[in-house]
Protein backbone atom coordinates (compact mmCIF):
# COMPACT_ATOMS: atom_id res chain seq x y z
CA MET A 1 76.43 -92.79 -119.95
CA LYS A 2 78.96 -90.14 -121.89
CA THR A 3 77.84 -88.02 -124.36
CA ILE A 4 79.89 -85.74 -126.63
CA ALA A 5 78.89 -82.46 -127.81
CA TYR A 6 81.72 -80.89 -129.63
CA SER A 7 81.86 -77.28 -130.17
CA LEU A 8 83.71 -75.02 -132.21
CA LEU A 9 87.23 -72.91 -130.48
CA ILE A 10 86.67 -69.54 -131.22
CA SER A 11 90.68 -70.16 -131.54
CA ALA A 12 92.37 -73.73 -131.39
CA THR A 13 95.85 -71.89 -131.31
CA LEU A 14 95.66 -69.52 -128.60
CA ALA A 15 97.07 -70.17 -125.15
CA PHE A 16 96.23 -67.48 -122.11
CA SER A 17 97.96 -67.58 -119.06
CA VAL A 18 96.22 -67.64 -115.61
CA GLN A 19 95.84 -64.04 -115.64
CA ALA A 20 94.49 -63.85 -118.73
CA ALA A 21 91.86 -61.38 -119.50
CA PRO A 22 88.20 -62.65 -121.33
CA THR A 23 88.63 -60.87 -124.73
CA LEU A 24 85.65 -58.73 -126.58
CA GLN A 25 83.51 -60.88 -128.25
CA PHE A 26 80.89 -58.78 -129.60
CA GLU A 27 80.20 -55.15 -129.03
CA GLU A 28 77.09 -53.00 -129.93
CA ASP A 29 78.36 -49.26 -130.10
CA PHE A 30 75.23 -47.52 -131.55
CA GLU A 31 77.69 -46.05 -134.00
CA GLY A 32 75.47 -47.68 -136.70
CA GLY A 33 72.15 -46.44 -135.02
CA ALA A 34 69.61 -48.24 -132.93
CA THR A 35 70.39 -51.16 -134.54
CA ASP A 36 67.12 -52.89 -133.65
CA TRP A 37 67.33 -51.57 -130.38
CA VAL A 38 63.60 -50.25 -129.02
CA ASP A 39 61.85 -49.06 -125.64
CA VAL A 40 59.86 -50.86 -123.87
CA ASP A 41 56.62 -50.61 -125.78
CA ARG A 42 58.45 -51.71 -128.79
CA ASP A 43 58.45 -47.88 -129.92
CA PRO A 44 61.72 -46.17 -131.60
CA VAL A 45 64.59 -44.99 -129.29
CA THR A 46 66.62 -41.75 -129.96
CA HIS A 47 69.71 -42.32 -131.52
CA TYR A 48 72.56 -39.97 -130.64
CA ALA A 49 75.58 -39.69 -132.64
CA THR A 50 77.90 -38.19 -129.88
CA GLY A 51 77.70 -37.56 -126.23
CA GLY A 52 78.17 -41.49 -125.39
CA GLN A 53 80.86 -42.47 -122.68
CA ASP A 54 83.12 -42.43 -125.08
CA GLY A 55 81.93 -39.59 -126.97
CA GLY A 56 80.42 -41.20 -129.25
CA ALA A 57 77.26 -42.76 -130.03
CA TYR A 58 74.52 -43.64 -127.91
CA ILE A 59 70.64 -45.02 -127.64
CA SER A 60 68.49 -42.87 -125.30
CA VAL A 61 64.84 -43.30 -124.05
CA THR A 62 62.57 -40.81 -121.72
CA GLU A 63 60.28 -42.90 -119.60
CA ASP A 64 57.96 -42.06 -116.34
CA ILE A 65 58.32 -43.78 -113.15
CA ASP A 66 55.98 -45.40 -111.49
CA THR A 67 56.58 -47.95 -108.67
CA THR A 68 53.07 -48.46 -107.04
CA GLY A 69 52.79 -51.60 -109.21
CA GLY A 70 55.56 -52.96 -108.26
CA GLY A 71 56.89 -53.63 -111.59
CA ASN A 72 58.01 -57.28 -112.49
CA PHE A 73 59.08 -58.13 -108.59
CA GLY A 74 61.03 -54.91 -108.83
CA GLY A 75 62.30 -54.54 -112.29
CA TYR A 76 61.40 -52.03 -115.23
CA THR A 77 62.59 -52.84 -118.82
CA LEU A 78 63.35 -49.97 -120.64
CA PHE A 79 65.14 -51.05 -123.91
CA ARG A 80 64.52 -54.10 -125.74
CA CYS A 81 64.55 -56.12 -129.39
CA ALA A 82 62.36 -54.77 -131.79
CA VAL A 83 60.26 -58.37 -132.50
CA LEU A 84 59.15 -60.85 -129.75
CA ALA A 85 60.94 -64.07 -131.96
CA GLY A 86 62.67 -64.16 -135.58
CA PRO A 87 65.64 -65.08 -136.79
CA PRO A 88 69.10 -63.32 -135.50
CA ALA A 89 68.70 -60.50 -137.86
CA GLU A 90 65.75 -59.34 -136.29
CA ASN A 91 67.11 -59.15 -133.18
CA CYS A 92 69.38 -56.54 -131.16
CA SER A 93 72.42 -55.73 -132.88
CA SER A 94 71.54 -58.10 -136.06
CA GLY A 95 71.58 -61.16 -133.11
CA GLY A 96 74.99 -60.50 -132.17
CA PHE A 97 74.55 -61.20 -128.71
CA VAL A 98 72.17 -64.70 -129.73
CA GLY A 99 73.96 -67.92 -129.25
CA ASN A 100 75.17 -70.63 -125.99
CA TRP A 101 76.91 -68.86 -124.00
CA TYR A 102 77.48 -71.31 -121.27
CA PHE A 103 78.74 -74.36 -123.51
CA THR A 104 79.85 -72.87 -127.00
CA THR A 105 80.63 -69.67 -126.97
CA GLY A 106 82.62 -69.56 -123.19
CA THR A 107 80.88 -65.86 -122.89
CA GLN A 108 82.25 -65.02 -119.43
CA ILE A 109 81.00 -61.31 -119.07
CA LEU A 110 78.13 -59.14 -120.00
CA ARG A 111 78.54 -55.30 -119.73
CA PHE A 112 77.49 -52.10 -120.67
CA TRP A 113 77.10 -48.56 -120.01
CA PHE A 114 74.14 -46.92 -118.12
CA ARG A 115 73.13 -43.40 -117.27
CA HIS A 116 69.94 -41.35 -116.00
CA ASN A 117 68.74 -38.10 -115.17
CA SER A 118 66.45 -39.46 -112.05
CA ALA A 119 65.89 -37.19 -109.04
CA LYS A 120 65.58 -40.17 -106.75
CA SER A 121 67.59 -39.99 -103.54
CA GLY A 122 70.76 -42.27 -103.76
CA GLY A 123 70.11 -42.56 -107.33
CA LEU A 124 68.57 -45.88 -109.35
CA GLN A 125 69.65 -49.62 -109.66
CA GLY A 126 70.25 -50.74 -113.12
CA ILE A 127 68.85 -54.56 -113.86
CA VAL A 128 69.36 -56.52 -117.34
CA ARG A 129 67.15 -59.27 -118.11
CA VAL A 130 68.69 -62.28 -119.95
CA ALA A 131 66.30 -64.35 -122.14
CA ILE A 132 66.08 -66.81 -124.51
CA PRO A 133 64.37 -66.46 -127.80
CA GLY A 134 60.91 -65.72 -127.74
CA ASN A 135 61.33 -64.19 -124.25
CA GLN A 136 59.45 -66.99 -122.62
CA ALA A 137 62.16 -67.90 -119.89
CA GLY A 138 64.65 -65.21 -118.56
CA GLY A 139 66.84 -63.92 -115.74
CA PRO A 140 67.70 -60.48 -114.38
CA ALA A 141 70.69 -59.29 -112.99
CA VAL A 142 70.78 -56.07 -110.52
CA PHE A 143 73.29 -53.96 -110.03
CA ALA A 144 74.08 -51.05 -107.42
CA ALA A 145 72.18 -48.05 -107.55
CA VAL A 146 73.57 -45.46 -110.34
CA PRO A 147 74.25 -41.83 -109.68
CA ALA A 148 72.66 -39.24 -111.78
CA ASN A 149 73.88 -38.04 -115.17
CA THR A 150 76.85 -39.73 -115.07
CA TRP A 151 77.81 -42.54 -117.44
CA THR A 152 78.75 -45.89 -115.16
CA GLN A 153 79.49 -49.72 -116.36
CA LEU A 154 77.57 -52.16 -115.12
CA SER A 155 79.01 -55.80 -115.16
CA VAL A 156 78.04 -59.17 -114.72
CA ALA A 157 79.56 -63.00 -114.46
CA ILE A 158 77.89 -65.37 -116.63
CA ASP A 159 78.27 -67.46 -113.75
CA PRO A 160 75.10 -68.88 -111.88
CA GLN A 161 76.82 -67.94 -108.52
CA TYR A 162 77.35 -64.44 -108.97
CA PRO A 163 75.28 -62.53 -106.67
CA ALA A 164 73.87 -60.16 -108.61
CA TRP A 165 71.39 -62.91 -110.37
CA ASP A 166 67.89 -63.56 -109.54
CA PRO A 167 68.60 -67.25 -107.76
CA SER A 168 64.96 -67.78 -109.03
CA TRP A 169 66.02 -67.16 -112.74
CA GLY A 170 62.69 -65.68 -113.34
CA ALA A 171 61.00 -68.83 -113.64
CA LEU A 172 58.77 -71.24 -111.19
CA LEU A 173 61.73 -73.90 -111.79
CA ALA A 174 64.94 -72.00 -111.04
CA ASP A 175 67.21 -72.76 -114.09
CA ALA A 176 70.31 -70.89 -115.35
CA VAL A 177 71.80 -73.08 -118.05
CA LYS A 178 68.30 -73.14 -119.85
CA ILE A 179 68.99 -68.96 -120.01
CA PHE A 180 72.80 -69.22 -120.71
CA ARG A 181 72.94 -72.06 -123.72
CA ASN A 182 70.17 -70.37 -125.42
CA VAL A 183 70.51 -66.46 -125.20
CA GLY A 184 67.90 -64.34 -127.62
CA ARG A 185 67.70 -60.87 -126.34
CA LEU A 186 69.03 -58.26 -123.57
CA GLN A 187 66.37 -56.12 -121.68
CA PRO A 188 68.32 -53.32 -119.76
CA GLY A 189 66.36 -51.31 -117.53
CA PHE A 190 66.21 -50.16 -113.78
CA TYR A 191 65.10 -51.85 -110.39
CA VAL A 192 63.57 -50.56 -107.25
CA ASP A 193 62.60 -52.89 -104.45
CA PRO A 194 59.18 -53.61 -104.30
CA GLY A 195 59.52 -52.91 -100.59
CA ASP A 196 60.20 -49.81 -100.36
CA PRO A 197 57.94 -46.72 -100.37
CA ALA A 198 56.05 -46.11 -104.00
CA TYR A 199 58.22 -43.79 -106.26
CA THR A 200 56.73 -41.49 -109.28
CA GLU A 201 58.44 -39.45 -111.35
CA SER A 202 57.90 -37.76 -114.79
CA SER A 203 60.03 -37.56 -118.04
CA VAL A 204 62.80 -39.44 -116.90
CA ILE A 205 66.06 -39.80 -119.37
CA PHE A 206 67.73 -43.31 -119.70
CA ASP A 207 70.67 -43.78 -121.89
CA ILE A 208 72.95 -46.97 -122.47
CA ASP A 209 75.96 -47.17 -124.61
CA ASP A 210 78.78 -50.18 -125.46
CA VAL A 211 76.93 -52.89 -124.92
CA GLN A 212 79.58 -55.83 -124.64
CA ILE A 213 80.21 -59.39 -124.09
CA LEU A 214 83.38 -60.90 -123.27
CA GLY A 215 85.22 -64.65 -123.20
CA SER A 216 87.95 -67.11 -123.57
CA PRO A 217 87.58 -70.07 -126.06
CA SER A 218 85.44 -72.71 -125.01
CA VAL A 219 86.70 -76.52 -124.92
CA THR A 220 83.96 -79.09 -124.43
CA ALA A 221 84.62 -81.73 -121.97
CA VAL A 222 83.13 -85.37 -121.70
CA VAL A 223 81.53 -85.71 -118.20
CA ASP A 224 79.71 -88.65 -116.70
CA ALA A 225 77.63 -88.67 -113.24
CA ILE A 226 78.80 -92.21 -112.56
CA THR A 227 76.11 -94.60 -111.80
CA SER A 228 78.57 -97.22 -110.68
CA GLY A 229 82.68 -98.10 -110.39
CA GLY A 230 84.81 -95.24 -109.63
CA GLN A 231 87.54 -94.80 -107.85
CA GLN A 232 88.88 -93.68 -104.24
CA GLY A 233 85.65 -95.10 -102.78
CA HIS A 234 83.50 -92.89 -104.49
CA GLY A 235 82.10 -95.51 -106.39
CA HIS A 236 78.78 -95.29 -104.95
CA PRO A 237 75.97 -97.72 -105.97
CA HIS A 238 73.37 -94.04 -104.80
CA ARG A 239 74.50 -92.23 -108.02
CA THR A 240 70.89 -91.78 -108.66
CA ILE A 241 70.36 -88.10 -108.48
CA HIS A 242 67.57 -87.48 -105.44
CA PRO A 243 65.61 -84.42 -105.42
CA ASN A 244 64.64 -85.29 -102.14
CA HIS A 245 65.81 -87.55 -99.25
CA ASP A 246 63.65 -89.26 -96.66
CA GLY A 247 66.31 -88.88 -93.91
CA GLY A 248 63.34 -87.10 -91.44
CA PRO A 249 61.78 -83.68 -91.15
CA ASP A 250 65.70 -81.90 -91.39
CA ALA A 251 66.58 -84.38 -94.44
CA ILE A 252 66.96 -81.39 -96.91
CA ASP A 253 69.62 -79.61 -94.57
CA ASP A 254 71.53 -82.07 -92.92
CA LEU A 255 71.62 -85.16 -95.50
CA ASP A 256 71.69 -83.51 -98.74
CA ASP A 257 72.77 -85.82 -101.10
CA THR A 258 76.00 -85.20 -103.51
CA VAL A 259 75.57 -85.20 -107.19
CA ARG A 260 79.23 -86.51 -108.62
CA LEU A 261 80.63 -85.91 -111.96
CA MET A 262 83.77 -87.28 -113.69
CA VAL A 263 85.51 -84.87 -116.17
CA PHE A 264 87.42 -86.91 -119.11
CA GLY A 265 90.80 -85.90 -120.34
CA ALA A 266 91.23 -85.95 -123.82
CA SER A 267 93.92 -85.71 -126.34
CA THR A 268 93.87 -85.03 -130.26
CA GLY A 269 96.84 -87.44 -130.64
CA ALA A 270 94.62 -90.55 -129.20
CA GLY A 271 91.92 -89.48 -131.77
CA ASP A 272 89.44 -87.10 -129.56
CA LEU A 273 88.69 -83.86 -131.36
CA GLU A 274 89.95 -81.00 -128.60
CA ASP A 275 92.62 -81.15 -126.09
CA LEU A 276 91.92 -81.61 -122.35
CA ASP A 277 94.17 -81.66 -119.42
CA THR A 278 91.94 -81.98 -116.72
CA ASP A 279 94.69 -81.09 -114.18
CA ASP A 280 94.47 -77.41 -115.17
CA ILE A 281 90.54 -77.10 -114.63
CA ILE A 282 90.23 -74.77 -111.37
CA THR A 283 88.76 -76.54 -108.60
CA SER A 284 87.18 -73.19 -107.85
CA SER A 285 85.50 -72.57 -111.05
CA VAL A 286 83.53 -75.51 -110.91
CA ARG A 287 79.76 -75.04 -111.52
CA ILE A 288 77.24 -78.36 -111.74
CA GLY A 289 73.56 -78.99 -112.47
CA ARG A 290 71.06 -76.21 -113.77
CA LEU A 291 72.20 -73.66 -110.88
CA GLY A 292 75.68 -74.14 -110.96
CA GLY A 293 76.24 -76.09 -107.54
CA THR A 294 79.87 -75.45 -106.61
CA ASN A 295 82.16 -78.21 -105.98
CA ILE A 296 82.73 -79.24 -102.49
CA SER A 297 85.98 -78.25 -101.29
CA GLY A 298 87.95 -81.43 -100.36
CA GLU A 299 85.59 -83.73 -102.52
CA GLU A 300 87.39 -83.46 -105.97
CA ILE A 301 89.85 -86.41 -106.97
CA TYR A 302 92.57 -85.36 -109.67
CA ASN A 303 94.91 -87.75 -111.57
CA LEU A 304 91.85 -90.53 -112.19
CA ASP A 305 92.15 -92.75 -115.08
CA HIS A 306 88.06 -93.98 -114.94
CA ASP A 307 88.29 -95.28 -118.32
CA SER A 308 91.62 -96.28 -118.92
CA ASP A 309 92.79 -94.68 -121.55
CA GLY A 310 95.69 -93.74 -120.15
CA LEU A 311 94.72 -90.09 -119.73
CA ASP A 312 94.31 -88.06 -116.41
CA ASP A 313 90.36 -87.77 -115.44
CA VAL A 314 89.16 -85.64 -112.30
CA GLU A 315 85.82 -86.22 -110.40
CA PHE A 316 84.12 -83.29 -108.38
CA ALA A 317 81.07 -83.29 -106.27
CA ALA A 318 78.43 -80.65 -105.35
CA LEU A 319 75.52 -81.03 -103.24
CA THR A 320 72.20 -82.01 -104.89
CA GLY A 321 70.23 -79.33 -103.75
CA ASP A 322 73.00 -76.64 -105.04
CA ALA A 323 73.09 -78.10 -108.26
CA PHE A 324 69.49 -78.53 -109.28
CA ALA A 325 67.22 -76.67 -105.97
CA ARG A 326 65.98 -78.56 -103.05
CA ALA A 327 62.68 -80.31 -102.84
CA GLU A 328 60.13 -78.49 -100.26
CA ARG A 329 59.46 -80.95 -97.70
CA SER A 330 57.22 -78.80 -96.02
CA ARG A 331 54.79 -79.64 -98.78
CA GLY A 332 54.88 -83.26 -97.80
CA SER A 333 56.17 -84.28 -100.66
CA CYS A 334 59.09 -84.04 -103.14
CA GLN A 335 58.98 -81.42 -106.00
CA ALA A 336 57.12 -82.22 -109.17
CA SER A 337 58.61 -84.79 -111.39
CA TRP A 338 58.41 -82.26 -114.63
CA ALA A 339 60.99 -80.06 -112.17
CA TRP A 340 63.51 -83.08 -111.90
CA PRO A 341 66.57 -82.85 -113.67
CA ASP A 342 66.96 -84.12 -117.08
CA LYS A 343 70.73 -83.92 -117.52
CA VAL A 344 73.88 -82.82 -115.57
CA GLU A 345 75.70 -79.68 -116.89
CA PHE A 346 79.61 -78.74 -115.99
CA ARG A 347 81.44 -75.93 -116.63
CA GLY A 348 84.71 -74.55 -115.20
CA GLU A 349 87.85 -72.53 -116.20
CA LEU A 350 91.32 -73.61 -116.69
CA THR A 351 94.56 -72.38 -115.67
CA THR A 352 95.56 -71.73 -119.37
CA GLY A 353 92.43 -69.39 -119.90
CA GLU A 354 90.11 -71.29 -121.77
CA VAL A 355 86.00 -71.88 -120.21
CA VAL A 356 85.72 -76.22 -120.47
CA ALA A 357 81.83 -77.16 -120.30
CA GLY A 358 80.03 -79.95 -121.04
CA GLU A 359 76.93 -82.17 -119.98
CA ASP A 360 75.54 -85.71 -119.53
CA THR A 361 72.24 -85.93 -120.90
CA VAL A 362 71.46 -89.60 -119.76
CA ILE A 363 71.07 -89.91 -116.00
CA SER A 364 69.69 -91.73 -113.58
CA VAL A 365 66.95 -89.60 -110.96
CA ASN A 366 64.51 -90.82 -108.47
CA CYS A 367 62.69 -88.56 -106.10
CA ASN A 368 63.67 -90.10 -102.22
CA ALA A 369 66.78 -91.56 -101.12
CA GLN A 370 66.94 -94.47 -98.30
CA CYS A 371 68.87 -93.38 -95.90
CA HIS A 372 72.08 -94.67 -96.28
CA ASN A 373 75.87 -93.75 -95.11
């Protein structure tokens, strides 16, 4: 079943070249003060009017480092929003970072400048946790080590496949899209591998400056995890999503099913709310499911017309395990039913520069699949 959830474009008229870079969507440069940023204990940070990475304002905290307890799986928060929950005006930077980055705003990059004066050999690794409102779920991205006393820009792509992100997304049920679609707060800090020898150091100064999100206009796509029909031999009757496969003890590795997704072309001239030429979708940018599984090379089929409206549609396919995580056969059963997917998410990029995204919220899921070809 197709579902539509149209979003407002950042701009409906701008066109971008293939080489177009994401544009600045929001920046906190701290020129107006600390703007609801506090330290890990929600105490005030120190605000400096000069001395930042560009000579301007920045914020700073002084903290002791003690890794004997292992932190939060190696992560240590330094900066956070002033309140745990509440309207955007009470969050960091008056809610400037709040929003649906994945489907609506087309946010593609989060970056900030980081500095410390730790004497730790090799420097310290920066980290940033992106969390939903209320802080109930969040995923951290870990960066390479930063040398002391040097402003360093840390940047991470808003892409579930970007290697800096924690693959478990900070939860028992890994779900990148749950976080990216409902961003409520940011928590920069530092990371020390909990497997490393314990390290302690007193009164270390940490600074951040110019926290930014960048992106491109967002085009909402109509997508469908088709359960029947299809073209080019892909109208399989087993479109039901199977978290597990009963093909034997090696089924997870050898018989991982595919989840197939049709993306429909759209035209305002035909009465659609937006224009989408599916020929412009960059195959390598396709992400499917809550973990953003990539399209299986060669499985994409362009120039279809599945809904017979005269507009080109395209079909992509990702391994179910890559899109939603694999069931643990070693435990002798499927993962719990509460962990089964209840929608199929899609996001990609267009050769014209925009982000394209959509989801099918009416899908068929069953734990096991019978063996089939």
